[in-house]
C-alpha atoms as a PDB file:
ATOM      1  CA  MET A   1     -48.474  21.327 -37.324  1.00  0.00           C
ATOM      2  CA  SER A   2     -46.583  20.508 -40.392  1.00  0.00           C
ATOM      3  CA  PHE A   3     -43.944  22.811 -41.940  1.00  0.00           C
ATOM      4  CA  LEU A   4     -46.026  23.140 -45.126  1.00  0.00           C
ATOM      5  CA  ARG A   5     -48.964  24.554 -43.242  1.00  0.00           C
ATOM      6  CA  LEU A   6     -46.581  26.822 -41.277  1.00  0.00           C
ATOM      7  CA  PHE A   7     -45.197  28.293 -44.537  1.00  0.00           C
ATOM      8  CA  LYS A   8     -48.757  29.082 -45.690  1.00  0.00           C
ATOM      9  CA  HIS A   9     -49.559  31.063 -42.556  1.00  0.00           C
ATOM     10  CA  ARG A  10     -49.397  34.787 -42.716  1.00  0.00           C
ATOM     11  CA  MET A  11     -47.570  37.129 -40.375  1.00  0.00           C
ATOM     12  CA  TYR A  12     -49.284  40.413 -39.591  1.00  0.00           C
ATOM     13  CA  LEU A  13     -46.950  43.385 -39.205  1.00  0.00           C
ATOM     14  CA  THR A  14     -47.837  46.997 -38.543  1.00  0.00           C
ATOM     15  CA  VAL A  15     -45.094  49.529 -39.356  1.00  0.00           C
ATOM     16  CA  ALA A  16     -45.068  53.248 -38.598  1.00  0.00           C
ATOM     17  CA  TRP A  17     -42.055  55.036 -40.130  1.00  0.00           C
ATOM     18  CA  SER A  18     -42.390  58.009 -37.704  1.00  0.00           C
ATOM     19  CA  ASP A  19     -44.443  59.235 -34.747  1.00  0.00           C
ATOM     20  CA  THR A  20     -46.650  61.389 -36.946  1.00  0.00           C
ATOM     21  CA  SER A  21     -46.959  59.067 -39.947  1.00  0.00           C
ATOM     22  CA  SER A  22     -49.812  56.711 -40.389  1.00  0.00           C
ATOM     23  CA  ALA A  23     -49.271  53.057 -39.612  1.00  0.00           C
ATOM     24  CA  LYS A  24     -49.273  50.525 -42.379  1.00  0.00           C
ATOM     25  CA  SER A  25     -50.025  46.863 -42.029  1.00  0.00           C
ATOM     26  CA  TYR A  26     -48.335  44.003 -43.873  1.00  0.00           C
ATOM     27  CA  SER A  27     -49.286  40.368 -43.858  1.00  0.00           C
ATOM     28  CA  PRO A  28     -46.614  38.393 -45.817  1.00  0.00           C
ATOM     29  CA  GLN A  29     -46.673  34.650 -45.798  1.00  0.00           C
ATOM     30  CA  ILE A  30     -44.107  33.116 -43.478  1.00  0.00           C
ATOM     31  CA  GLY A  31     -42.856  30.900 -46.336  1.00  0.00           C
ATOM     32  CA  LYS A  32     -42.172  33.829 -48.683  1.00  0.00           C
ATOM     33  CA  LEU A  33     -40.497  35.788 -45.909  1.00  0.00           C
ATOM     34  CA  ALA A  34     -38.292  32.811 -45.103  1.00  0.00           C
ATOM     35  CA  LEU A  35     -37.406  32.416 -48.787  1.00  0.00           C
ATOM     36  CA  SER A  36     -36.499  36.105 -48.993  1.00  0.00           C
ATOM     37  CA  VAL A  37     -34.288  35.753 -45.936  1.00  0.00           C
ATOM     38  CA  LEU A  38     -32.668  32.647 -47.389  1.00  0.00           C
ATOM     39  CA  ALA A  39     -32.154  34.387 -50.750  1.00  0.00           C
ATOM     40  CA  LEU A  40     -30.550  37.364 -49.031  1.00  0.00           C
ATOM     41  CA  PHE A  41     -28.313  35.037 -47.033  1.00  0.00           C
ATOM     42  CA  GLY A  42     -27.410  33.122 -50.201  1.00  0.00           C
ATOM     43  CA  LEU A  43     -26.477  36.313 -52.031  1.00  0.00           C
ATOM     44  CA  THR A  44     -24.308  37.314 -49.073  1.00  0.00           C
ATOM     45  CA  VAL A  45     -22.509  33.957 -49.161  1.00  0.00           C
ATOM     46  CA  VAL A  46     -22.049  34.166 -52.950  1.00  0.00           C
ATOM     47  CA  TYR A  47     -20.660  37.705 -52.700  1.00  0.00           C
ATOM     48  CA  ASP A  48     -18.305  36.695 -49.906  1.00  0.00           C
ATOM     49  CA  THR A  49     -17.128  33.699 -51.948  1.00  0.00           C
ATOM     50  CA  TYR A  50     -16.579  35.977 -54.960  1.00  0.00           C
ATOM     51  CA  LYS A  51     -14.502  38.372 -52.878  1.00  0.00           C
ATOM     52  CA  LYS A  52     -12.399  35.518 -51.537  1.00  0.00           C
ATOM     53  CA  GLN A  53     -11.845  34.234 -55.086  1.00  0.00           C
ATOM     54  CA  GLN A  54     -10.786  37.704 -56.217  1.00  0.00           C
ATOM     55  CA  ASN A  55      -8.349  37.960 -53.322  1.00  0.00           C
ATOM     56  CA  ILE A  56      -6.939  34.527 -54.117  1.00  0.00           C
ATOM     57  CA  LYS A  57      -6.607  35.475 -57.798  1.00  0.00           C
ATOM     58  CA  GLY A  58      -4.814  38.704 -56.841  1.00  0.00           C
ATOM     59  CA  ASN A  59      -2.406  36.791 -54.617  1.00  0.00           C
ATOM     60  CA  VAL A  60      -1.768  34.318 -57.413  1.00  0.00           C
ATOM     61  CA  ASN A  61      -1.070  37.163 -59.878  1.00  0.00           C
ATOM     62  CA  GLN A  62       1.297  38.784 -57.393  1.00  0.00           C
ATOM     63  CA  ALA A  63       3.104  35.502 -56.923  1.00  0.00           C
ATOM     64  CA  LEU A  64       3.338  35.021 -60.693  1.00  0.00           C
ATOM     65  CA  ALA A  65       4.645  38.567 -61.091  1.00  0.00           C
ATOM     66  CA  ALA A  66       7.190  37.952 -58.361  1.00  0.00           C
ATOM     67  CA  ASN A  67       8.287  34.721 -60.051  1.00  0.00           C
ATOM     68  CA  PHE A  68       8.549  36.577 -63.358  1.00  0.00           C
ATOM     69  CA  ASP A  69      10.757  39.207 -61.728  1.00  0.00           C
ATOM     70  CA  VAL A  70      13.015  36.482 -60.295  1.00  0.00           C
ATOM     71  CA  ASP A  71      13.314  34.829 -63.703  1.00  0.00           C
ATOM     72  CA  SER A  72      14.087  38.194 -65.281  1.00  0.00           C
ATOM     73  CA  TYR A  73      16.759  38.915 -62.684  1.00  0.00           C
ATOM     74  CA  GLU A  74      18.273  35.470 -63.158  1.00  0.00           C
ATOM     75  CA  LYS A  75      18.425  36.014 -66.922  1.00  0.00           C
ATOM     76  CA  GLN A  76      20.052  39.425 -66.429  1.00  0.00           C
ATOM     77  CA  LEU A  77      22.609  37.918 -64.034  1.00  0.00           C
ATOM     78  CA  SER A  78      23.358  35.168 -66.551  1.00  0.00           C
ATOM     79  CA  LEU A  79      23.931  37.769 -69.285  1.00  0.00           C
ATOM     80  CA  LEU A  80      26.167  39.815 -66.982  1.00  0.00           C
ATOM     81  CA  ASN A  81      28.206  36.719 -66.092  1.00  0.00           C
ATOM     82  CA  LYS A  82      28.667  35.919 -69.767  1.00  0.00           C
ATOM     83  CA  GLU A  83      29.753  39.503 -70.447  1.00  0.00           C
ATOM     84  CA  ASN A  84      32.233  39.330 -67.558  1.00  0.00           C
ATOM     85  CA  GLU A  85      33.646  36.072 -68.918  1.00  0.00           C
ATOM     86  CA  SER A  86      33.982  37.699 -72.325  1.00  0.00           C
ATOM     87  CA  TYR A  87      35.778  40.686 -70.775  1.00  0.00           C
ATOM     88  CA  ASP A  88      38.081  38.322 -68.863  1.00  0.00           C
ATOM     89  CA  ARG A  89      39.013  36.570 -72.100  1.00  0.00           C
ATOM     90  CA  GLN A  90      39.603  39.917 -73.796  1.00  0.00           C
ATOM     91  CA  VAL A  91      41.802  41.047 -70.893  1.00  0.00           C
ATOM     92  CA  LYS A  92      43.880  37.863 -71.218  1.00  0.00           C
ATOM     93  CA  VAL A  93      44.230  38.458 -74.950  1.00  0.00           C
ATOM     94  CA  TYR A  94      45.296  42.047 -74.301  1.00  0.00           C
ATOM     95  CA  ALA A  95      47.815  40.815 -71.732  1.00  0.00           C
ATOM     96  CA  GLN A  96      49.301  38.454 -74.313  1.00  0.00           C
ATOM     97  CA  GLU A  97      49.396  41.215 -76.918  1.00  0.00           C
ATOM     98  CA  LEU A  98      51.114  43.534 -74.449  1.00  0.00           C
ATOM     99  CA  ALA A  99      53.624  40.777 -73.630  1.00  0.00           C
ATOM    100  CA  VAL A 100      54.452  40.459 -77.332  1.00  0.00           C
ATOM    101  CA  LEU A 101      54.868  44.221 -77.622  1.00  0.00           C
ATOM    102  CA  GLN A 102      57.054  44.243 -74.493  1.00  0.00           C
ATOM    103  CA  ALA A 103      59.243  41.505 -75.961  1.00  0.00           C
ATOM    104  CA  ARG A 104      59.678  43.537 -79.117  1.00  0.00           C
ATOM    105  CA  LEU A 105      60.492  46.633 -77.085  1.00  0.00           C
ATOM    106  CA  ASP A 106      63.143  44.599 -75.253  1.00  0.00           C
ATOM    107  CA  LYS A 107      64.496  43.515 -78.618  1.00  0.00           C
ATOM    108  CA  PHE A 108      64.648  47.142 -79.747  1.00  0.00           C
ATOM    109  CA  ASP A 109      66.489  47.965 -76.527  1.00  0.00           C
ATOM    110  CA  ASN A 110      69.074  45.258 -77.206  1.00  0.00           C
ATOM    111  CA  ILE A 111      69.504  46.517 -80.760  1.00  0.00           C
ATOM    112  CA  ALA A 112      69.932  50.062 -79.451  1.00  0.00           C
ATOM    113  CA  LYS A 113      72.673  48.811 -77.128  1.00  0.00           C
ATOM    114  CA  LYS A 114      74.447  47.244 -80.090  1.00  0.00           C
ATOM    115  CA  LEU A 115      74.131  50.497 -82.009  1.00  0.00           C
ATOM    116  CA  LEU A 116      75.466  52.409 -79.012  1.00  0.00           C
ATOM    117  CA  ASP A 117      78.590  50.272 -79.164  1.00  0.00           C
ATOM    118  CA  ASP A 118      79.130  51.462 -82.734  1.00  0.00           C
ATOM    119  CA  ASP A 119      80.885  54.819 -82.910  1.00  0.00           C
ATOM    120  CA  ARG A 120      79.001  55.680 -86.094  1.00  0.00           C
ATOM    121  CA  PHE A 121      75.629  55.737 -84.290  1.00  0.00           C
ATOM    122  CA  ALA A 122      76.370  56.357 -80.608  1.00  0.00           C
ATOM    123  CA  ASP A 123      76.266  60.173 -80.763  1.00  0.00           C
ATOM    124  CA  THR A 124      72.951  60.198 -82.598  1.00  0.00           C
ATOM    125  CA  ILE A 125      71.268  57.674 -80.310  1.00  0.00           C
ATOM    126  CA  ASN A 126      72.547  59.358 -77.148  1.00  0.00           C
ATOM    127  CA  GLN A 127      70.839  62.623 -78.062  1.00  0.00           C
ATOM    128  CA  GLU A 128      68.003  63.109 -75.595  1.00  0.00           C
ATOM    129  CA  TYR A 129      64.547  63.269 -77.110  1.00  0.00           C
ATOM    130  CA  VAL A 130      62.775  66.510 -76.216  1.00  0.00           C
ATOM    131  CA  GLY A 131      59.009  66.534 -76.546  1.00  0.00           C
ATOM    132  CA  ALA A 132      55.794  65.119 -75.214  1.00  0.00           C
ATOM    133  CA  VAL A 133      54.262  61.801 -75.976  1.00  0.00           C
ATOM    134  CA  ASP A 134      51.017  62.259 -77.883  1.00  0.00           C
ATOM    135  CA  THR A 135      48.251  60.450 -76.035  1.00  0.00           C
ATOM    136  CA  THR A 136      45.389  62.286 -77.788  1.00  0.00           C
ATOM    137  CA  GLY A 137      42.472  60.006 -78.387  1.00  0.00           C
ATOM    138  CA  LEU A 138      43.752  57.214 -76.183  1.00  0.00           C
ATOM    139  CA  TYR A 139      41.289  57.919 -73.382  1.00  0.00           C
ATOM    140  CA  ASN A 140      38.198  59.948 -74.281  1.00  0.00           C
ATOM    141  CA  GLU A 141      34.420  59.664 -74.343  1.00  0.00           C
ATOM    142  CA  ASP A 142      34.549  57.598 -77.534  1.00  0.00           C
ATOM    143  CA  PHE A 143      36.847  54.998 -75.987  1.00  0.00           C
ATOM    144  CA  SER A 144      35.670  51.433 -76.539  1.00  0.00           C
ATOM    145  CA  ILE A 145      37.005  47.892 -76.576  1.00  0.00           C
ATOM    146  CA  LEU A 146      36.855  47.910 -80.383  1.00  0.00           C
ATOM    147  CA  SER A 147      38.877  51.116 -80.658  1.00  0.00           C
ATOM    148  CA  PHE A 148      41.397  49.778 -78.131  1.00  0.00           C
ATOM    149  CA  GLU A 149      41.765  46.561 -80.145  1.00  0.00           C
ATOM    150  CA  ARG A 150      42.333  48.633 -83.284  1.00  0.00           C
ATOM    151  CA  LYS A 151      45.042  50.650 -81.543  1.00  0.00           C
ATOM    152  CA  ILE A 152      46.761  47.450 -80.359  1.00  0.00           C
ATOM    153  CA  PHE A 153      46.610  46.020 -83.889  1.00  0.00           C
ATOM    154  CA  ASP A 154      48.074  49.211 -85.375  1.00  0.00           C
ATOM    155  CA  THR A 155      50.834  49.253 -82.751  1.00  0.00           C
ATOM    156  CA  LYS A 156      51.656  45.594 -83.410  1.00  0.00           C
ATOM    157  CA  THR A 157      51.845  46.255 -87.147  1.00  0.00           C
ATOM    158  CA  LYS A 158      54.213  49.186 -86.636  1.00  0.00           C
ATOM    159  CA  ALA A 159      56.295  47.185 -84.149  1.00  0.00           C
ATOM    160  CA  LYS A 160      56.542  44.276 -86.587  1.00  0.00           C
ATOM    161  CA  TYR A 161      57.660  46.587 -89.377  1.00  0.00           C
ATOM    162  CA  LEU A 162      60.141  48.300 -87.081  1.00  0.00           C
ATOM    163  CA  ALA A 163      61.460  44.934 -85.869  1.00  0.00           C
ATOM    164  CA  SER A 164      62.027  43.847 -89.469  1.00  0.00           C
ATOM    165  CA  SER A 165      63.874  47.089 -90.180  1.00  0.00           C
ATOM    166  CA  MET A 166      65.960  46.689 -87.038  1.00  0.00           C
ATOM    167  CA  ASP A 167      66.847  43.118 -87.986  1.00  0.00           C
ATOM    168  CA  SER A 168      68.016  44.326 -91.380  1.00  0.00           C
ATOM    169  CA  ILE A 169      70.115  47.042 -89.750  1.00  0.00           C
ATOM    170  CA  VAL A 170      71.670  44.596 -87.312  1.00  0.00           C
ATOM    171  CA  GLU A 171      72.408  42.178 -90.151  1.00  0.00           C
ATOM    172  CA  LEU A 172      74.081  44.931 -92.159  1.00  0.00           C
ATOM    173  CA  LEU A 173      76.041  46.015 -89.104  1.00  0.00           C
ATOM    174  CA  GLY A 174      77.116  42.425 -88.538  1.00  0.00           C
ATOM    175  CA  GLN A 175      78.279  42.151 -92.115  1.00  0.00           C
ATOM    176  CA  ALA A 176      80.109  45.447 -91.827  1.00  0.00           C
ATOM    177  CA  GLU A 177      81.692  44.356 -88.552  1.00  0.00           C
ATOM    178  CA  LYS A 178      82.743  41.072 -90.137  1.00  0.00           C
ATOM    179  CA  VAL A 179      84.281  42.860 -93.106  1.00  0.00           C
ATOM    180  CA  ASN A 180      86.022  45.267 -90.747  1.00  0.00           C
ATOM    181  CA  LEU A 181      87.278  42.367 -88.630  1.00  0.00           C
ATOM    182  CA  GLN A 182      88.494  40.428 -91.653  1.00  0.00           C
ATOM    183  CA  THR A 183      90.299  43.381 -93.213  1.00  0.00           C
ATOM    184  CA  ASN A 184      91.915  44.118 -89.850  1.00  0.00           C
ATOM    185  CA  PHE A 185      93.872  40.815 -89.892  1.00  0.00           C
ATOM    186  CA  ASN A 186      97.359  40.409 -91.315  1.00  0.00           C
ATOM    187  CA  TRP A 187      98.943  37.555 -93.243  1.00  0.00           C
ATOM    188  CA  PRO A 188     100.488  35.178 -90.639  1.00  0.00           C
ATOM    189  CA  VAL A 189     103.794  34.396 -92.431  1.00  0.00           C
ATOM    190  CA  ILE A 190     106.503  36.910 -93.280  1.00  0.00           C
ATOM    191  CA  ASN A 191     108.290  35.540 -96.349  1.00  0.00           C
ATOM    192  CA  LYS A 192     109.069  36.602 -99.901  1.00  0.00           C
ATOM    193  CA  ARG A 193     107.531  33.442-101.408  1.00  0.00           C
ATOM    194  CA  THR A 194     104.571  32.677 -99.162  1.00  0.00           C
ATOM    195  CA  PHE A 195     101.279  31.365-100.563  1.00  0.00           C
ATOM    196  CA  ILE A 196      98.278  29.110 -99.764  1.00  0.00           C
ATOM    197  CA  SER A 197      99.219  25.517-100.544  1.00  0.00           C
ATOM    198  CA  SER A 198      95.979  23.870 -99.389  1.00  0.00           C
ATOM    199  CA  LYS A 199      92.537  25.498 -99.086  1.00  0.00           C
ATOM    200  CA  TYR A 200      89.793  25.228 -96.487  1.00  0.00           C
ATOM    201  CA  GLY A 201      87.226  22.464 -97.060  1.00  0.00           C
ATOM    202  CA  TRP A 202      87.204  18.940 -98.488  1.00  0.00           C
ATOM    203  CA  ARG A 203      90.498  17.649 -99.862  1.00  0.00           C
ATOM    204  CA  THR A 204      92.444  14.435-100.434  1.00  0.00           C
ATOM    205  CA  ASP A 205      94.195  13.429 -97.228  1.00  0.00           C
ATOM    206  CA  PRO A 206      97.993  13.301 -97.904  1.00  0.00           C
ATOM    207  CA  PHE A 207      98.363  10.333 -95.550  1.00  0.00           C
ATOM    208  CA  THR A 208      95.414   8.103 -96.533  1.00  0.00           C
ATOM    209  CA  GLY A 209      94.454   9.339-100.002  1.00  0.00           C
ATOM    210  CA  ASN A 210      90.777   9.526 -98.860  1.00  0.00           C
ATOM    211  CA  LYS A 211      88.519  12.564 -98.755  1.00  0.00           C
ATOM    212  CA  ARG A 212      88.956  14.475 -95.481  1.00  0.00           C
ATOM    213  CA  TRP A 213      87.701  17.803 -94.179  1.00  0.00           C
ATOM    214  CA  HIS A 214      90.433  20.433 -93.887  1.00  0.00           C
ATOM    215  CA  SER A 215      89.478  22.871 -91.109  1.00  0.00           C
ATOM    216  CA  GLY A 216      91.995  25.583 -91.991  1.00  0.00           C
ATOM    217  CA  ILE A 217      94.411  26.643 -94.720  1.00  0.00           C
ATOM    218  CA  ASP A 218      98.024  25.562 -95.240  1.00  0.00           C
ATOM    219  CA  ILE A 219     100.519  28.340 -95.938  1.00  0.00           C
ATOM    220  CA  ALA A 220     103.850  27.465 -97.480  1.00  0.00           C
ATOM    221  CA  ALA A 221     107.113  29.414 -97.098  1.00  0.00           C
ATOM    222  CA  GLY A 222     109.982  27.187 -95.980  1.00  0.00           C
ATOM    223  CA  TRP A 223     111.810  26.062 -92.837  1.00  0.00           C
ATOM    224  CA  ASN A 224     111.951  28.593 -90.005  1.00  0.00           C
ATOM    225  CA  ALA A 225     109.927  31.227 -91.854  1.00  0.00           C
ATOM    226  CA  PRO A 226     108.672  33.692 -89.214  1.00  0.00           C
ATOM    227  CA  ILE A 227     105.047  33.178 -88.083  1.00  0.00           C
ATOM    228  CA  VAL A 228     103.401  36.274 -86.647  1.00  0.00           C
ATOM    229  CA  ALA A 229     100.178  37.228 -84.843  1.00  0.00           C
ATOM    230  CA  VAL A 230      97.485  38.346 -87.289  1.00  0.00           C
ATOM    231  CA  ASN A 231      96.023  40.727 -84.703  1.00  0.00           C
ATOM    232  CA  ASP A 232      96.289  41.822 -81.067  1.00  0.00           C
ATOM    233  CA  GLY A 233      95.348  39.245 -78.456  1.00  0.00           C
ATOM    234  CA  VAL A 234      96.334  36.948 -75.586  1.00  0.00           C
ATOM    235  CA  VAL A 235      98.139  33.614 -75.973  1.00  0.00           C
ATOM    236  CA  ILE A 236      95.848  30.906 -74.551  1.00  0.00           C
ATOM    237  CA  HIS A 237      97.961  27.932 -75.685  1.00  0.00           C
ATOM    238  CA  ALA A 238     101.634  27.449 -76.568  1.00  0.00           C
ATOM    239  CA  GLY A 239     103.131  23.971 -76.784  1.00  0.00           C
ATOM    240  CA  TYR A 240     102.706  20.551 -78.325  1.00  0.00           C
ATOM    241  CA  ARG A 241      99.234  19.235 -79.195  1.00  0.00           C
ATOM    242  CA  TYR A 242      98.449  15.933 -80.887  1.00  0.00           C
ATOM    243  CA  GLY A 243      97.946  16.338 -84.646  1.00  0.00           C
ATOM    244  CA  TYR A 244      98.830  20.031 -84.538  1.00  0.00           C
ATOM    245  CA  GLY A 245     102.363  19.471 -83.251  1.00  0.00           C
ATOM    246  CA  THR A 246     103.975  22.552 -81.756  1.00  0.00           C
ATOM    247  CA  SER A 247     101.224  25.144 -81.930  1.00  0.00           C
ATOM    248  CA  VAL A 248     100.025  28.498 -80.595  1.00  0.00           C
ATOM    249  CA  GLU A 249      96.492  29.807 -80.030  1.00  0.00           C
ATOM    250  CA  ILE A 250      95.561  33.449 -79.564  1.00  0.00           C
ATOM    251  CA  GLN A 251      92.278  34.834 -78.225  1.00  0.00           C
ATOM    252  CA  HIS A 252      91.250  38.085 -79.945  1.00  0.00           C
ATOM    253  CA  LYS A 253      88.266  40.351 -79.271  1.00  0.00           C
ATOM    254  CA  ASN A 254      84.788  39.703 -80.675  1.00  0.00           C
ATOM    255  CA  GLY A 255      85.033  35.980 -79.893  1.00  0.00           C
ATOM    256  CA  VAL A 256      87.718  35.257 -82.498  1.00  0.00           C
ATOM    257  CA  THR A 257      90.492  32.721 -81.914  1.00  0.00           C
ATOM    258  CA  THR A 258      93.408  32.010 -84.283  1.00  0.00           C
ATOM    259  CA  ARG A 259      95.428  28.794 -84.302  1.00  0.00           C
ATOM    260  CA  TYR A 260      98.966  28.324 -85.693  1.00  0.00           C
ATOM    261  CA  ALA A 261     100.148  24.691 -86.064  1.00  0.00           C
ATOM    262  CA  HIS A 262     103.088  22.469 -87.173  1.00  0.00           C
ATOM    263  CA  MET A 263     105.696  24.970 -85.925  1.00  0.00           C
ATOM    264  CA  ASN A 264     109.340  24.100 -85.595  1.00  0.00           C
ATOM    265  CA  LYS A 265     109.530  26.352 -82.542  1.00  0.00           C
ATOM    266  CA  ALA A 266     107.169  28.571 -80.492  1.00  0.00           C
ATOM    267  CA  THR A 267     108.634  31.848 -79.210  1.00  0.00           C
ATOM    268  CA  VAL A 268     105.711  32.809 -76.900  1.00  0.00           C
ATOM    269  CA  LYS A 269     104.137  31.204 -73.851  1.00  0.00           C
ATOM    270  CA  LYS A 270     100.622  30.949 -72.477  1.00  0.00           C
ATOM    271  CA  GLY A 271      99.399  34.228 -70.993  1.00  0.00           C
ATOM    272  CA  ASP A 272     101.581  36.490 -73.166  1.00  0.00           C
ATOM    273  CA  ILE A 273      99.920  39.604 -74.591  1.00  0.00           C
ATOM    274  CA  VAL A 274     100.831  39.978 -78.258  1.00  0.00           C
ATOM    275  CA  LYS A 275     100.417  42.727 -80.807  1.00  0.00           C
ATOM    276  CA  LYS A 276      99.799  42.453 -84.498  1.00  0.00           C
ATOM    277  CA  ASP A 277     102.922  41.155 -86.354  1.00  0.00           C
ATOM    278  CA  ASP A 278     104.610  40.008 -83.114  1.00  0.00           C
ATOM    279  CA  LEU A 279     106.705  36.882 -83.680  1.00  0.00           C
ATOM    280  CA  LEU A 280     104.981  33.695 -82.464  1.00  0.00           C
ATOM    281  CA  GLY A 281     107.379  31.040 -83.738  1.00  0.00           C
ATOM    282  CA  LEU A 282     109.142  29.524 -86.717  1.00  0.00           C
ATOM    283  CA  MET A 283     107.675  27.357 -89.466  1.00  0.00           C
ATOM    284  CA  GLY A 284     108.311  23.598 -89.262  1.00  0.00           C
ATOM    285  CA  SER A 285     106.661  20.212 -89.795  1.00  0.00           C
ATOM    286  CA  SER A 286     105.754  18.931 -86.299  1.00  0.00           C
ATOM    287  CA  GLY A 287     102.654  16.850 -85.659  1.00  0.00           C
ATOM    288  CA  ARG A 288     100.615  15.333 -88.500  1.00  0.00           C
ATOM    289  CA  SER A 289     102.501  16.986 -91.322  1.00  0.00           C
ATOM    290  CA  THR A 290     104.225  15.957 -94.551  1.00  0.00           C
ATOM    291  CA  GLY A 291     106.514  18.969 -94.849  1.00  0.00           C
ATOM    292  CA  PRO A 292     107.223  22.509 -93.591  1.00  0.00           C
ATOM    293  CA  HIS A 293     104.121  24.711 -93.646  1.00  0.00           C
ATOM    294  CA  LEU A 294     101.787  26.621 -91.353  1.00  0.00           C
ATOM    295  CA  HIS A 295      98.336  25.174 -90.701  1.00  0.00           C
ATOM    296  CA  PHE A 296      96.261  28.261 -89.877  1.00  0.00           C
ATOM    297  CA  GLU A 297      92.733  28.223 -88.409  1.00  0.00           C
ATOM    298  CA  VAL A 298      90.187  30.899 -87.469  1.00  0.00           C
ATOM    299  CA  LEU A 299      87.458  30.138 -84.938  1.00  0.00           C
ATOM    300  CA  VAL A 300      84.515  32.494 -84.335  1.00  0.00           C
ATOM    301  CA  ASP A 301      82.724  31.770 -81.042  1.00  0.00           C
ATOM    302  CA  GLY A 302      84.376  28.361 -81.017  1.00  0.00           C
ATOM    303  CA  LYS A 303      83.271  27.419 -84.538  1.00  0.00           C
ATOM    304  CA  LYS A 304      85.882  26.917 -87.248  1.00  0.00           C
ATOM    305  CA  THR A 305      85.478  29.091 -90.336  1.00  0.00           C
ATOM    306  CA  ASP A 306      87.337  29.722 -93.567  1.00  0.00           C
ATOM    307  CA  PRO A 307      90.452  31.810 -92.709  1.00  0.00           C
ATOM    308  CA  THR A 308      91.012  32.945 -96.317  1.00  0.00           C
ATOM    309  CA  PRO A 309      88.821  36.116 -96.192  1.00  0.00           C
ATOM    310  CA  TYR A 310      90.636  37.218 -93.040  1.00  0.00           C
ATOM    311  CA  VAL A 311      94.196  37.169 -94.397  1.00  0.00           C
ATOM    312  CA  LYS A 312      94.280  37.032 -98.212  1.00  0.00           C
ATOM    313  CA  HIS A 313      94.228  40.825 -98.625  1.00  0.00           C
ATOM    314  CA  ASP A 314      97.554  41.197 -96.759  1.00  0.00           C
ATOM    315  CA  ARG A 315      99.724  38.561 -98.498  1.00  0.00           C
ATOM    316  CA  LEU A 316     101.550  41.010-100.732  1.00  0.00           C
ATOM    317  CA  ASN A 317     102.143  43.278 -97.770  1.00  0.00           C
ATOM    318  CA  ALA A 318     103.732  40.349 -95.914  1.00  0.00           C
ATOM    319  CA  LYS A 319     106.121  39.806 -98.824  1.00  0.00           C
ATOM    320  CA  ARG A 320     107.077  43.485 -98.671  1.00  0.00           C
ATOM    321  CA  LYS A 321     107.779  43.186 -94.948  1.00  0.00           C
ATOM    322  CA  ALA A 322     110.040  40.202 -95.659  1.00  0.00           C
ATOM    323  CA  ARG A 323     112.014  42.171 -98.198  1.00  0.00           C
ATOM    324  CA  GLU A 324     112.431  44.999 -95.709  1.00  0.00           C
ATOM    325  CA  GLY A 325     113.618  42.579 -93.006  1.00  0.00           C
ATOM    326  CA  ILE A 326     111.188  43.881 -90.409  1.00  0.00           C
ATOM    327  CA  LEU A 327     111.471  40.788 -88.163  1.00  0.00           C
ATOM    328  CA  ARG A 328     115.203  40.120 -88.619  1.00  0.00           C
ATOM    329  CA  LYS A 329     116.138  41.205 -85.102  1.00  0.00           C
ATOM    330  CA  ALA A 330     113.231  39.315 -83.527  1.00  0.00           C
ATOM    331  CA  ILE A 331     114.238  36.141 -85.375  1.00  0.00           C
ATOM    332  CA  GLU A 332     117.866  36.513 -84.292  1.00  0.00           C
ATOM    333  CA  LYS A 333     116.788  36.856 -80.662  1.00  0.00           C
ATOM    334  CA  SER A 334     114.634  33.727 -80.894  1.00  0.00           C
END
């Protein structure tokens, strides 16, 4: 029997849906019944395939979503790292700014120490400040990097202005101290006819006739005119020195040294403590000299400077002292 003939055969079925219901008979062809079964099976397979595809698609979407979250997190981490690097740079800048401010504060402290050494300002500076430091607005809810930068800039501006003012004050104090130091010196020769015979600076050398720098002033008076200390100090040299001849050097305060050269005789020795107008020696022409005079030098921190401003104001007073014979006894003892 062929399959074609089998499909054309009918199958007789009698179905009773309950014990009391009437029976019904069906006689479908075997071929149609088989096709129905195959169709039902095919639909089942298609539905199962559809479900599997939906599950696969859901898994793919979940994986894509997970990958998207990872990318998002990586981007956020990258932004956070960049922000941290920016903050690190800002912190370094702030550290540099604070170092500059600290240096200026140290400078102010040094200036204050100088002012404390001045009797005119010491009492005022030593007065203790009573009060509280105003920190309002420094740390509050509105605090931000921008506001902090603005505060640093304002503080730097004020510090710069204050530093400039302090520098001006120190310069004025230095000038005042210099004037006070200069006016505190006496004329170094006690004689009725003493004067400056050669100034500080370039001059014609008396030995060669060429231009030569003169590092002091020459004061004329005559043989054995008394040479005195222009201010209090300690004798750091007394004796013969090439070019200067018999000479004396005195160390004064504030880094000032005075030098007295071409003496005929020195009446002090190294280590002696001398007072203003104490006799140091007698005028002569020792060393590189063409005649009796005093070669007088002033050195400030080891650097030679013009002695004229230090002594010129007292020349007439020195003449008066000579007339009064103030050093007569000291000269006789020498």
